[in-house]
Amino acid sequence: MKSKLGIWSFILSLLAVLLILGSDSFFSSFSYNKIYFFLFIILPIVSIVFSIISLNEIKKKNLEGKRYALFGLIISILLIVIVPLLFLIFVFTGGGPLI
């Protein structure tokens, strides 16, 4: 039996990535709609919490799904680090294009 929280962790982290990649412009959406920015931060945090809980559950109950939990954890941590850095670069470059 697989850990459902591990799978949800992976799904939420992928959803956060898709929201960032799917937005017209990540930073212009922040300017106009702060809900997107809120989701970019909240989804990875929830995914990290789900990953930690599921990794403990997998260890205690000998469940499958450790890969999903680990990938969700890794992707979410990367998002938590990269998104604020991109925002700071955007602010300090005067709001122009990043490339």
C-alpha atoms as a PDB file:
ATOM      1  CA  MET A   1       0.000   0.000   0.000  1.00  0.00           C
ATOM      2  CA  LYS A   2       1.337   3.436  -0.960  1.00  0.00           C
ATOM      3  CA  SER A   3       1.378   6.497   1.243  1.00  0.00           C
ATOM      4  CA  LYS A   4      -1.354   8.821   0.011  1.00  0.00           C
ATOM      5  CA  LEU A   5       0.276  11.848   1.649  1.00  0.00           C
ATOM      6  CA  GLY A   6       3.490  11.129  -0.256  1.00  0.00           C
ATOM      7  CA  ILE A   7       1.599  11.100  -3.536  1.00  0.00           C
ATOM      8  CA  TRP A   8      -0.252  14.304  -2.587  1.00  0.00           C
ATOM      9  CA  SER A   9       3.045  15.932  -1.713  1.00  0.00           C
ATOM     10  CA  PHE A  10       4.364  15.168  -5.174  1.00  0.00           C
ATOM     11  CA  ILE A  11       1.161  16.370  -6.856  1.00  0.00           C
ATOM     12  CA  LEU A  12       1.153  19.673  -4.934  1.00  0.00           C
ATOM     13  CA  SER A  13       4.786  20.359  -5.754  1.00  0.00           C
ATOM     14  CA  LEU A  14       4.146  19.686  -9.445  1.00  0.00           C
ATOM     15  CA  LEU A  15       1.066  21.902  -9.320  1.00  0.00           C
ATOM     16  CA  ALA A  16       3.171  24.746  -7.925  1.00  0.00           C
ATOM     17  CA  VAL A  17       5.704  24.278 -10.739  1.00  0.00           C
ATOM     18  CA  LEU A  18       2.930  24.256 -13.341  1.00  0.00           C
ATOM     19  CA  LEU A  19       1.415  27.422 -11.877  1.00  0.00           C
ATOM     20  CA  ILE A  20       4.737  29.204 -12.140  1.00  0.00           C
ATOM     21  CA  LEU A  21       5.448  27.975 -15.661  1.00  0.00           C
ATOM     22  CA  GLY A  22       1.864  28.475 -16.802  1.00  0.00           C
ATOM     23  CA  SER A  23       1.458  32.054 -15.668  1.00  0.00           C
ATOM     24  CA  ASP A  24       1.922  34.697 -18.367  1.00  0.00           C
ATOM     25  CA  SER A  25       4.608  36.354 -16.387  1.00  0.00           C
ATOM     26  CA  PHE A  26       5.249  35.301 -12.831  1.00  0.00           C
ATOM     27  CA  PHE A  27       6.028  38.776 -11.584  1.00  0.00           C
ATOM     28  CA  SER A  28       3.344  40.656 -13.477  1.00  0.00           C
ATOM     29  CA  SER A  29       0.813  38.230 -12.016  1.00  0.00           C
ATOM     30  CA  PHE A  30       2.197  39.133  -8.590  1.00  0.00           C
ATOM     31  CA  SER A  31       1.595  42.787  -9.305  1.00  0.00           C
ATOM     32  CA  TYR A  32      -1.995  42.282 -10.410  1.00  0.00           C
ATOM     33  CA  ASN A  33      -3.134  39.254  -8.496  1.00  0.00           C
ATOM     34  CA  LYS A  34      -1.511  38.399  -5.175  1.00  0.00           C
ATOM     35  CA  ILE A  35      -3.416  35.109  -4.961  1.00  0.00           C
ATOM     36  CA  TYR A  36      -0.999  33.575  -7.464  1.00  0.00           C
ATOM     37  CA  PHE A  37       1.985  34.614  -5.378  1.00  0.00           C
ATOM     38  CA  PHE A  38       0.226  33.258  -2.294  1.00  0.00           C
ATOM     39  CA  LEU A  39      -0.269  29.901  -4.051  1.00  0.00           C
ATOM     40  CA  PHE A  40       3.358  29.835  -5.203  1.00  0.00           C
ATOM     41  CA  ILE A  41       4.441  29.996  -1.559  1.00  0.00           C
ATOM     42  CA  ILE A  42       1.657  28.017   0.177  1.00  0.00           C
ATOM     43  CA  LEU A  43       1.633  24.971  -2.119  1.00  0.00           C
ATOM     44  CA  PRO A  44       5.303  24.122  -1.568  1.00  0.00           C
ATOM     45  CA  ILE A  45       4.964  24.638   2.198  1.00  0.00           C
ATOM     46  CA  VAL A  46       1.977  22.278   2.359  1.00  0.00           C
ATOM     47  CA  SER A  47       3.875  19.829   0.165  1.00  0.00           C
ATOM     48  CA  ILE A  48       6.855  19.895   2.547  1.00  0.00           C
ATOM     49  CA  VAL A  49       4.569  19.223   5.512  1.00  0.00           C
ATOM     50  CA  PHE A  50       2.891  16.337   3.668  1.00  0.00           C
ATOM     51  CA  SER A  51       6.316  14.929   2.704  1.00  0.00           C
ATOM     52  CA  ILE A  52       7.628  14.965   6.255  1.00  0.00           C
ATOM     53  CA  ILE A  53       4.469  13.366   7.649  1.00  0.00           C
ATOM     54  CA  SER A  54       4.404  10.727   4.918  1.00  0.00           C
ATOM     55  CA  LEU A  55       8.093   9.867   5.320  1.00  0.00           C
ATOM     56  CA  ASN A  56       7.468   9.243   9.019  1.00  0.00           C
ATOM     57  CA  GLU A  57       4.364   7.218   8.184  1.00  0.00           C
ATOM     58  CA  ILE A  58       6.258   5.184   5.567  1.00  0.00           C
ATOM     59  CA  LYS A  59       8.998   4.420   8.072  1.00  0.00           C
ATOM     60  CA  LYS A  60       6.593   3.376  10.852  1.00  0.00           C
ATOM     61  CA  LYS A  61       4.074   1.388   8.810  1.00  0.00           C
ATOM     62  CA  ASN A  62       6.468   0.067   6.136  1.00  0.00           C
ATOM     63  CA  LEU A  63       4.503   1.592   3.256  1.00  0.00           C
ATOM     64  CA  GLU A  64       5.533   2.251  -0.333  1.00  0.00           C
ATOM     65  CA  GLY A  65       5.700   5.684  -1.918  1.00  0.00           C
ATOM     66  CA  LYS A  66       8.936   6.965  -0.456  1.00  0.00           C
ATOM     67  CA  ARG A  67      10.038   8.224  -3.886  1.00  0.00           C
ATOM     68  CA  TYR A  68       6.928  10.363  -4.258  1.00  0.00           C
ATOM     69  CA  ALA A  69       7.470  11.904  -0.848  1.00  0.00           C
ATOM     70  CA  LEU A  70      11.154  12.564  -1.520  1.00  0.00           C
ATOM     71  CA  PHE A  71      10.528  14.090  -4.951  1.00  0.00           C
ATOM     72  CA  GLY A  72       7.771  16.260  -3.496  1.00  0.00           C
ATOM     73  CA  LEU A  73      10.125  17.385  -0.746  1.00  0.00           C
ATOM     74  CA  ILE A  74      12.999  18.158  -3.119  1.00  0.00           C
ATOM     75  CA  ILE A  75      10.856  20.048  -5.642  1.00  0.00           C
ATOM     76  CA  SER A  76       9.149  22.046  -2.899  1.00  0.00           C
ATOM     77  CA  ILE A  77      12.402  23.038  -1.223  1.00  0.00           C
ATOM     78  CA  LEU A  78      13.807  24.142  -4.578  1.00  0.00           C
ATOM     79  CA  LEU A  79      10.686  26.230  -5.192  1.00  0.00           C
ATOM     80  CA  ILE A  80      10.897  27.838  -1.759  1.00  0.00           C
ATOM     81  CA  VAL A  81      14.489  28.847  -2.522  1.00  0.00           C
ATOM     82  CA  ILE A  82      14.160  29.807  -6.203  1.00  0.00           C
ATOM     83  CA  VAL A  83      10.900  31.811  -6.219  1.00  0.00           C
ATOM     84  CA  PRO A  84      12.021  34.442  -3.664  1.00  0.00           C
ATOM     85  CA  LEU A  85      15.406  34.722  -5.404  1.00  0.00           C
ATOM     86  CA  LEU A  86      13.692  35.367  -8.736  1.00  0.00           C
ATOM     87  CA  PHE A  87      11.471  37.935  -7.080  1.00  0.00           C
ATOM     88  CA  LEU A  88      14.493  39.746  -5.599  1.00  0.00           C
ATOM     89  CA  ILE A  89      16.238  39.730  -8.973  1.00  0.00           C
ATOM     90  CA  PHE A  90      13.090  41.160 -10.536  1.00  0.00           C
ATOM     91  CA  VAL A  91      12.850  43.925  -7.917  1.00  0.00           C
ATOM     92  CA  PHE A  92      16.511  44.897  -8.097  1.00  0.00           C
ATOM     93  CA  THR A  93      16.642  44.941 -11.891  1.00  0.00           C
ATOM     94  CA  GLY A  94      13.871  47.501 -12.047  1.00  0.00           C
ATOM     95  CA  GLY A  95      11.063  45.172 -13.071  1.00  0.00           C
ATOM     96  CA  GLY A  96      12.425  44.425 -16.531  1.00  0.00           C
ATOM     97  CA  PRO A  97      12.675  41.062 -18.167  1.00  0.00           C
ATOM     98  CA  LEU A  98      14.808  38.521 -16.371  1.00  0.00           C
ATOM     99  CA  ILE A  99      16.659  37.416 -19.511  1.00  0.00           C
END
